[in-house]
Amino acid sequence: MAKKNKYTAAAKKAQVQTDEEYAGIISSLTKIPDNDLEKFFPERADKDKLKELLTIVNSGTSYNEKITKLKENGEKLGILAIKLLKLLA
């Protein structure tokens, strides 16, 4: 029988708190409410990609540099862009 890990509950609580804070950071970069972010982007990996996409879009670089960055990361960020467009539609 596997021994119960005494840190499981604390780790889960920390994960929930971190996810809530992360959603708050992302929503501060957008006009999307926290609860919509959680609904459309429940996975941490999606939130990381969204933050990366928003960083590119909100950067102070030129339009052409933004396009280049998006092309370089197109495969990784493409699925996220589709989810984001569904949210906006």
Protein backbone atom coordinates (compact mmCIF):
# COMPACT_ATOMS: atom_id res chain seq x y z
CA MET A 1 0.00 0.00 0.00
CA ALA A 2 1.38 3.38 -0.98
CA LYS A 3 2.16 5.79 1.81
CA LYS A 4 0.15 9.03 1.70
CA ASN A 5 2.30 12.06 0.93
CA LYS A 6 1.86 14.61 3.71
CA TYR A 7 2.59 17.48 1.28
CA THR A 8 -0.16 16.67 -1.24
CA ALA A 9 -2.76 19.03 0.27
CA ALA A 10 -0.27 21.88 0.63
CA ALA A 11 0.95 21.41 -2.92
CA LYS A 12 -2.62 21.45 -4.28
CA LYS A 13 -3.43 24.61 -2.30
CA ALA A 14 -0.28 26.30 -3.64
CA GLN A 15 -1.16 25.26 -7.19
CA VAL A 16 -4.65 26.75 -6.93
CA GLN A 17 -3.29 29.98 -5.44
CA THR A 18 -0.61 30.24 -8.13
CA ASP A 19 -3.13 29.59 -10.91
CA GLU A 20 -5.40 32.33 -9.55
CA GLU A 21 -2.51 34.80 -9.36
CA TYR A 22 -1.34 33.84 -12.84
CA ALA A 23 -4.84 34.35 -14.26
CA GLY A 24 -4.87 37.78 -12.62
CA ILE A 25 -1.58 38.69 -14.29
CA ILE A 26 -2.80 37.53 -17.69
CA SER A 27 -6.14 39.30 -17.36
CA SER A 28 -4.30 42.50 -16.48
CA LEU A 29 -2.66 42.28 -19.91
CA THR A 30 -6.02 41.79 -21.63
CA LYS A 31 -9.63 42.79 -21.33
CA ILE A 32 -10.63 39.18 -20.63
CA PRO A 33 -12.06 38.54 -17.15
CA ASP A 34 -10.30 35.98 -14.90
CA ASN A 35 -13.22 33.53 -14.98
CA ASP A 36 -13.24 33.48 -18.80
CA LEU A 37 -9.49 32.88 -18.83
CA GLU A 38 -9.94 29.90 -16.53
CA LYS A 39 -12.77 28.53 -18.65
CA PHE A 40 -10.94 28.77 -21.98
CA PHE A 41 -7.37 28.21 -20.73
CA PRO A 42 -7.57 25.79 -17.77
CA GLU A 43 -4.14 24.26 -18.34
CA ARG A 44 -0.98 25.95 -17.07
CA ALA A 45 0.73 25.32 -20.42
CA ASP A 46 -2.00 27.29 -22.21
CA LYS A 47 -1.60 30.16 -19.75
CA ASP A 48 2.15 30.18 -20.38
CA LYS A 49 1.57 30.34 -24.13
CA LEU A 50 -1.03 33.08 -23.71
CA LYS A 51 1.39 35.13 -21.64
CA GLU A 52 4.05 34.63 -24.32
CA LEU A 53 1.63 35.68 -27.07
CA LEU A 54 0.53 38.76 -25.14
CA THR A 55 4.15 39.68 -24.45
CA ILE A 56 4.85 39.61 -28.19
CA VAL A 57 1.73 41.61 -29.05
CA ASN A 58 2.23 44.20 -26.28
CA SER A 59 5.97 44.60 -26.84
CA GLY A 60 7.40 47.92 -27.92
CA THR A 61 8.84 46.42 -31.09
CA SER A 62 7.74 47.30 -34.59
CA TYR A 63 4.82 45.65 -36.32
CA ASN A 64 7.22 43.72 -38.60
CA GLU A 65 9.21 42.43 -35.62
CA LYS A 66 6.01 41.25 -33.97
CA ILE A 67 4.99 39.44 -37.16
CA THR A 68 8.42 37.78 -37.32
CA LYS A 69 8.15 36.61 -33.70
CA LEU A 70 4.65 35.26 -34.34
CA LYS A 71 5.86 33.39 -37.43
CA GLU A 72 8.77 31.91 -35.46
CA ASN A 73 6.35 30.67 -32.80
CA GLY A 74 3.39 29.98 -35.08
CA GLU A 75 3.13 26.26 -34.52
CA LYS A 76 3.38 26.60 -30.74
CA LEU A 77 1.00 29.57 -30.48
CA GLY A 78 -1.41 28.65 -33.31
CA ILE A 79 -3.72 26.48 -31.22
CA LEU A 80 -3.81 29.16 -28.57
CA ALA A 81 -4.75 31.77 -31.16
CA ILE A 82 -7.71 29.62 -32.23
CA LYS A 83 -8.89 29.30 -28.62
CA LEU A 84 -8.49 33.04 -28.14
CA LEU A 85 -10.50 33.80 -31.27
CA LYS A 86 -13.27 31.48 -30.05
CA LEU A 87 -13.36 33.46 -26.82
CA LEU A 88 -13.74 36.69 -28.76
CA ALA A 89 -16.31 35.34 -31.24
